[in-house]
Amino acid sequence: MLRYTLMRLGIFVGCLVVVWGLVYSGLAPRGLGDSNGLWIVLLALLISAPISLVVLRKERDRASERIVQRVDRVKANLEANRNQEDVADDAARAQAQGQTS
């Protein structure tokens, strides 16, 4: 997951540098008033999002598989703990019934 995040951040930073160069060279609009910095960041986000969707598809799939595996492992551990509690509870009830009989 960290690898995917860093790759996505790298694509954003690359787009940010390109947009910054285009705006300051005059090839892209500068924004309104003092909003130039915000304009550059928003434009870089807008450009980097579809690039990330296409370029990082395989890495995103790998990251989601790892997440699903972790969730399944946690669910299995919770179920095992529940079963242990049920067995211990049943044993305690059986012992209590044996002592009262």
N, C-alpha and C. Protein backbone atom coordinates (compact mmCIF):
# COMPACT_ATOMS: atom_id res chain seq x y z
N MET A 1 0.83 -1.19 0.00
CA MET A 1 0.00 0.00 0.00
C MET A 1 0.87 1.25 0.00
N LEU A 2 1.98 1.20 0.74
CA LEU A 2 2.88 2.34 0.78
C LEU A 2 3.49 2.59 -0.60
N ARG A 3 3.81 1.51 -1.29
CA ARG A 3 4.39 1.65 -2.63
C ARG A 3 3.42 2.36 -3.57
N TYR A 4 2.15 1.95 -3.54
CA TYR A 4 1.13 2.58 -4.38
C TYR A 4 0.99 4.06 -4.04
N THR A 5 0.96 4.36 -2.75
CA THR A 5 0.81 5.75 -2.31
C THR A 5 1.99 6.60 -2.78
N LEU A 6 3.20 6.06 -2.65
CA LEU A 6 4.37 6.80 -3.09
C LEU A 6 4.39 6.99 -4.61
N MET A 7 3.96 5.97 -5.34
CA MET A 7 3.90 6.10 -6.81
C MET A 7 2.87 7.16 -7.20
N ARG A 8 1.74 7.16 -6.51
CA ARG A 8 0.70 8.15 -6.81
C ARG A 8 1.19 9.56 -6.48
N LEU A 9 1.89 9.69 -5.36
CA LEU A 9 2.45 10.98 -4.98
C LEU A 9 3.49 11.44 -6.00
N GLY A 10 4.28 10.50 -6.51
CA GLY A 10 5.27 10.84 -7.53
C GLY A 10 4.63 11.35 -8.81
N ILE A 11 3.53 10.74 -9.22
CA ILE A 11 2.83 11.21 -10.41
C ILE A 11 2.27 12.61 -10.17
N PHE A 12 1.72 12.84 -8.98
CA PHE A 12 1.20 14.17 -8.66
C PHE A 12 2.30 15.22 -8.68
N VAL A 13 3.44 14.91 -8.06
CA VAL A 13 4.55 15.87 -8.03
C VAL A 13 5.05 16.15 -9.44
N GLY A 14 5.13 15.12 -10.26
CA GLY A 14 5.53 15.33 -11.65
C GLY A 14 4.57 16.25 -12.39
N CYS A 15 3.28 16.02 -12.20
CA CYS A 15 2.27 16.89 -12.83
C CYS A 15 2.35 18.30 -12.27
N LEU A 16 2.61 18.42 -10.99
CA LEU A 16 2.73 19.73 -10.36
C LEU A 16 3.87 20.52 -10.97
N VAL A 17 5.01 19.88 -11.19
CA VAL A 17 6.16 20.55 -11.79
C VAL A 17 5.84 20.97 -13.22
N VAL A 18 5.20 20.09 -13.98
CA VAL A 18 4.86 20.41 -15.37
C VAL A 18 3.87 21.57 -15.42
N VAL A 19 2.82 21.51 -14.59
CA VAL A 19 1.81 22.59 -14.59
C VAL A 19 2.45 23.90 -14.16
N TRP A 20 3.30 23.85 -13.14
CA TRP A 20 3.98 25.05 -12.68
C TRP A 20 4.79 25.68 -13.81
N GLY A 21 5.51 24.81 -14.55
CA GLY A 21 6.30 25.31 -15.69
C GLY A 21 5.42 25.91 -16.77
N LEU A 22 4.29 25.27 -17.05
CA LEU A 22 3.38 25.80 -18.08
C LEU A 22 2.76 27.13 -17.67
N VAL A 23 2.39 27.24 -16.40
CA VAL A 23 1.76 28.49 -15.93
C VAL A 23 2.77 29.63 -15.94
N TYR A 24 3.96 29.38 -15.45
CA TYR A 24 4.94 30.46 -15.38
C TYR A 24 5.58 30.79 -16.73
N SER A 25 5.46 29.89 -17.69
CA SER A 25 5.93 30.21 -19.04
C SER A 25 4.85 30.92 -19.85
N GLY A 26 3.62 30.94 -19.32
CA GLY A 26 2.53 31.63 -20.01
C GLY A 26 1.73 30.74 -20.94
N LEU A 27 2.04 29.46 -21.00
CA LEU A 27 1.31 28.55 -21.88
C LEU A 27 -0.02 28.10 -21.28
N ALA A 28 -0.16 28.23 -19.97
CA ALA A 28 -1.42 27.89 -19.29
C ALA A 28 -1.88 29.13 -18.52
N PRO A 29 -3.19 29.29 -18.31
CA PRO A 29 -3.68 30.49 -17.61
C PRO A 29 -3.16 30.55 -16.17
N ARG A 30 -2.99 31.79 -15.68
CA ARG A 30 -2.41 32.01 -14.35
C ARG A 30 -3.42 31.93 -13.22
N GLY A 31 -4.68 31.89 -13.44
CA GLY A 31 -5.66 31.89 -12.36
C GLY A 31 -6.16 33.31 -12.13
N LEU A 32 -6.99 33.47 -11.13
CA LEU A 32 -7.56 34.79 -10.84
C LEU A 32 -6.91 35.40 -9.62
N GLY A 33 -6.43 36.60 -9.74
CA GLY A 33 -5.88 37.33 -8.60
C GLY A 33 -4.74 36.59 -7.93
N ASP A 34 -4.88 36.36 -6.61
CA ASP A 34 -3.83 35.71 -5.83
C ASP A 34 -4.02 34.19 -5.77
N SER A 35 -4.87 33.62 -6.58
CA SER A 35 -5.16 32.19 -6.52
C SER A 35 -4.20 31.34 -7.35
N ASN A 36 -3.08 31.89 -7.75
CA ASN A 36 -2.17 31.19 -8.65
C ASN A 36 -1.67 29.87 -8.06
N GLY A 37 -1.25 29.85 -6.80
CA GLY A 37 -0.76 28.62 -6.19
C GLY A 37 -1.84 27.55 -6.10
N LEU A 38 -3.02 27.96 -5.68
CA LEU A 38 -4.14 27.03 -5.60
C LEU A 38 -4.51 26.52 -6.99
N TRP A 39 -4.50 27.38 -7.96
CA TRP A 39 -4.80 27.00 -9.34
C TRP A 39 -3.83 25.93 -9.83
N ILE A 40 -2.55 26.10 -9.54
CA ILE A 40 -1.55 25.13 -9.98
C ILE A 40 -1.78 23.78 -9.31
N VAL A 41 -2.06 23.77 -8.02
CA VAL A 41 -2.29 22.51 -7.30
C VAL A 41 -3.55 21.81 -7.81
N LEU A 42 -4.63 22.57 -8.00
CA LEU A 42 -5.88 21.96 -8.49
C LEU A 42 -5.72 21.41 -9.90
N LEU A 43 -5.03 22.14 -10.73
CA LEU A 43 -4.81 21.68 -12.11
C LEU A 43 -3.94 20.42 -12.11
N ALA A 44 -2.93 20.38 -11.25
CA ALA A 44 -2.07 19.19 -11.15
C ALA A 44 -2.88 17.99 -10.64
N LEU A 45 -3.77 18.20 -9.67
CA LEU A 45 -4.63 17.12 -9.19
C LEU A 45 -5.54 16.60 -10.29
N LEU A 46 -6.09 17.52 -11.03
CA LEU A 46 -7.01 17.16 -12.12
C LEU A 46 -6.30 16.35 -13.20
N ILE A 47 -5.07 16.66 -13.46
CA ILE A 47 -4.32 15.95 -14.50
C ILE A 47 -3.78 14.62 -13.98
N SER A 48 -3.32 14.60 -12.72
CA SER A 48 -2.68 13.39 -12.19
C SER A 48 -3.68 12.28 -11.88
N ALA A 49 -4.92 12.61 -11.57
CA ALA A 49 -5.90 11.57 -11.21
C ALA A 49 -6.13 10.56 -12.34
N PRO A 50 -6.48 10.99 -13.56
CA PRO A 50 -6.68 9.98 -14.61
C PRO A 50 -5.39 9.26 -15.00
N ILE A 51 -4.26 9.95 -14.91
CA ILE A 51 -2.99 9.29 -15.21
C ILE A 51 -2.75 8.16 -14.21
N SER A 52 -3.00 8.43 -12.93
CA SER A 52 -2.83 7.41 -11.89
C SER A 52 -3.78 6.24 -12.11
N LEU A 53 -5.01 6.53 -12.51
CA LEU A 53 -5.98 5.46 -12.75
C LEU A 53 -5.48 4.49 -13.82
N VAL A 54 -4.88 5.01 -14.86
CA VAL A 54 -4.44 4.17 -15.97
C VAL A 54 -3.09 3.52 -15.67
N VAL A 55 -2.13 4.32 -15.24
CA VAL A 55 -0.76 3.84 -15.08
C VAL A 55 -0.61 2.89 -13.89
N LEU A 56 -1.32 3.16 -12.81
CA LEU A 56 -1.14 2.38 -11.58
C LEU A 56 -2.19 1.29 -11.38
N ARG A 57 -2.86 0.87 -12.43
CA ARG A 57 -3.92 -0.12 -12.32
C ARG A 57 -3.43 -1.43 -11.68
N LYS A 58 -2.31 -1.96 -12.16
CA LYS A 58 -1.81 -3.23 -11.63
C LYS A 58 -1.38 -3.09 -10.18
N GLU A 59 -0.72 -2.00 -9.86
CA GLU A 59 -0.27 -1.78 -8.48
C GLU A 59 -1.47 -1.62 -7.54
N ARG A 60 -2.51 -0.93 -8.01
CA ARG A 60 -3.72 -0.75 -7.21
C ARG A 60 -4.40 -2.11 -6.96
N ASP A 61 -4.42 -2.96 -7.98
CA ASP A 61 -5.00 -4.30 -7.82
C ASP A 61 -4.21 -5.13 -6.80
N ARG A 62 -2.88 -5.03 -6.86
CA ARG A 62 -2.05 -5.76 -5.89
C ARG A 62 -2.31 -5.26 -4.47
N ALA A 63 -2.41 -3.95 -4.31
CA ALA A 63 -2.65 -3.37 -2.99
C ALA A 63 -4.02 -3.80 -2.46
N SER A 64 -5.02 -3.83 -3.32
CA SER A 64 -6.36 -4.23 -2.86
C SER A 64 -6.38 -5.72 -2.50
N GLU A 65 -5.63 -6.55 -3.21
CA GLU A 65 -5.54 -7.97 -2.85
C GLU A 65 -4.93 -8.14 -1.47
N ARG A 66 -3.88 -7.36 -1.18
CA ARG A 66 -3.25 -7.44 0.14
C ARG A 66 -4.23 -7.01 1.23
N ILE A 67 -5.01 -5.99 0.96
CA ILE A 67 -5.98 -5.51 1.95
C ILE A 67 -7.05 -6.58 2.20
N VAL A 68 -7.53 -7.21 1.13
CA VAL A 68 -8.54 -8.27 1.27
C VAL A 68 -7.97 -9.43 2.08
N GLN A 69 -6.72 -9.79 1.83
CA GLN A 69 -6.09 -10.87 2.60
C GLN A 69 -6.01 -10.53 4.08
N ARG A 70 -5.64 -9.28 4.38
CA ARG A 70 -5.57 -8.86 5.79
C ARG A 70 -6.94 -8.91 6.45
N VAL A 71 -7.95 -8.43 5.75
CA VAL A 71 -9.31 -8.44 6.30
C VAL A 71 -9.78 -9.87 6.53
N ASP A 72 -9.52 -10.76 5.59
CA ASP A 72 -9.91 -12.16 5.75
C ASP A 72 -9.18 -12.80 6.93
N ARG A 73 -7.90 -12.47 7.11
CA ARG A 73 -7.13 -13.02 8.23
C ARG A 73 -7.70 -12.52 9.56
N VAL A 74 -8.05 -11.24 9.63
CA VAL A 74 -8.63 -10.69 10.86
C VAL A 74 -9.98 -11.33 11.15
N LYS A 75 -10.80 -11.52 10.11
CA LYS A 75 -12.10 -12.18 10.30
C LYS A 75 -11.93 -13.60 10.81
N ALA A 76 -10.95 -14.33 10.26
CA ALA A 76 -10.70 -15.70 10.71
C ALA A 76 -10.24 -15.72 12.16
N ASN A 77 -9.40 -14.78 12.54
CA ASN A 77 -8.95 -14.71 13.94
C ASN A 77 -10.11 -14.39 14.87
N LEU A 78 -10.98 -13.48 14.48
CA LEU A 78 -12.14 -13.15 15.30
C LEU A 78 -13.07 -14.36 15.45
N GLU A 79 -13.27 -15.09 14.38
CA GLU A 79 -14.12 -16.28 14.42
C GLU A 79 -13.50 -17.35 15.31
N ALA A 80 -12.19 -17.51 15.23
CA ALA A 80 -11.52 -18.49 16.09
C ALA A 80 -11.66 -18.10 17.56
N ASN A 81 -11.51 -16.81 17.85
CA ASN A 81 -11.69 -16.34 19.23
C ASN A 81 -13.12 -16.56 19.71
N ARG A 82 -14.08 -16.31 18.85
CA ARG A 82 -15.49 -16.54 19.20
C ARG A 82 -15.73 -18.01 19.52
N ASN A 83 -15.17 -18.88 18.69
CA ASN A 83 -15.34 -20.31 18.90
C ASN A 83 -14.71 -20.76 20.21
N GLN A 84 -13.54 -20.20 20.54
CA GLN A 84 -12.89 -20.53 21.81
C GLN A 84 -13.75 -20.09 22.99
N GLU A 85 -14.33 -18.90 22.89
CA GLU A 85 -15.21 -18.41 23.95
C GLU A 85 -16.44 -19.30 24.09
N ASP A 86 -17.01 -19.72 22.95
CA ASP A 86 -18.18 -20.59 23.00
C ASP A 86 -17.86 -21.93 23.65
N VAL A 87 -16.72 -22.50 23.30
CA VAL A 87 -16.32 -23.79 23.88
C VAL A 87 -16.09 -23.63 25.38
N ALA A 88 -15.41 -22.57 25.77
CA ALA A 88 -15.15 -22.34 27.20
C ALA A 88 -16.46 -22.11 27.95
N ASP A 89 -17.38 -21.37 27.36
CA ASP A 89 -18.68 -21.11 27.98
C ASP A 89 -19.48 -22.40 28.11
N ASP A 90 -19.49 -23.21 27.07
CA ASP A 90 -20.21 -24.50 27.12
C ASP A 90 -19.61 -25.42 28.19
N ALA A 91 -18.27 -25.42 28.28
CA ALA A 91 -17.62 -26.27 29.28
C ALA A 91 -17.96 -25.80 30.69
N ALA A 92 -17.97 -24.49 30.89
CA ALA A 92 -18.31 -23.94 32.21
C ALA A 92 -19.75 -24.26 32.57
N ARG A 93 -20.65 -24.18 31.63
CA ARG A 93 -22.07 -24.50 31.90
C ARG A 93 -22.23 -25.99 32.21
N ALA A 94 -21.52 -26.83 31.45
CA ALA A 94 -21.60 -28.28 31.69
C ALA A 94 -21.06 -28.62 33.06
N GLN A 95 -19.98 -27.97 33.44
CA GLN A 95 -19.41 -28.21 34.77
C GLN A 95 -20.34 -27.73 35.85
N ALA A 96 -20.97 -26.58 35.65
CA ALA A 96 -21.92 -26.04 36.64
C ALA A 96 -23.13 -26.95 36.77
N GLN A 97 -23.63 -27.50 35.68
CA GLN A 97 -24.77 -28.40 35.73
C GLN A 97 -24.39 -29.71 36.40
N GLY A 98 -23.15 -30.16 36.20
CA GLY A 98 -22.68 -31.39 36.82
C GLY A 98 -22.54 -31.24 38.31
N GLN A 99 -22.20 -30.06 38.78
CA GLN A 99 -22.05 -29.85 40.22
C GLN A 99 -23.42 -29.71 40.91
N THR A 100 -24.42 -29.17 40.21
CA THR A 100 -25.74 -28.98 40.81
C THR A 100 -26.56 -30.26 40.77
N SER A 101 -26.21 -31.22 39.93
CA SER A 101 -27.00 -32.44 39.83
C SER A 101 -26.65 -33.44 40.87
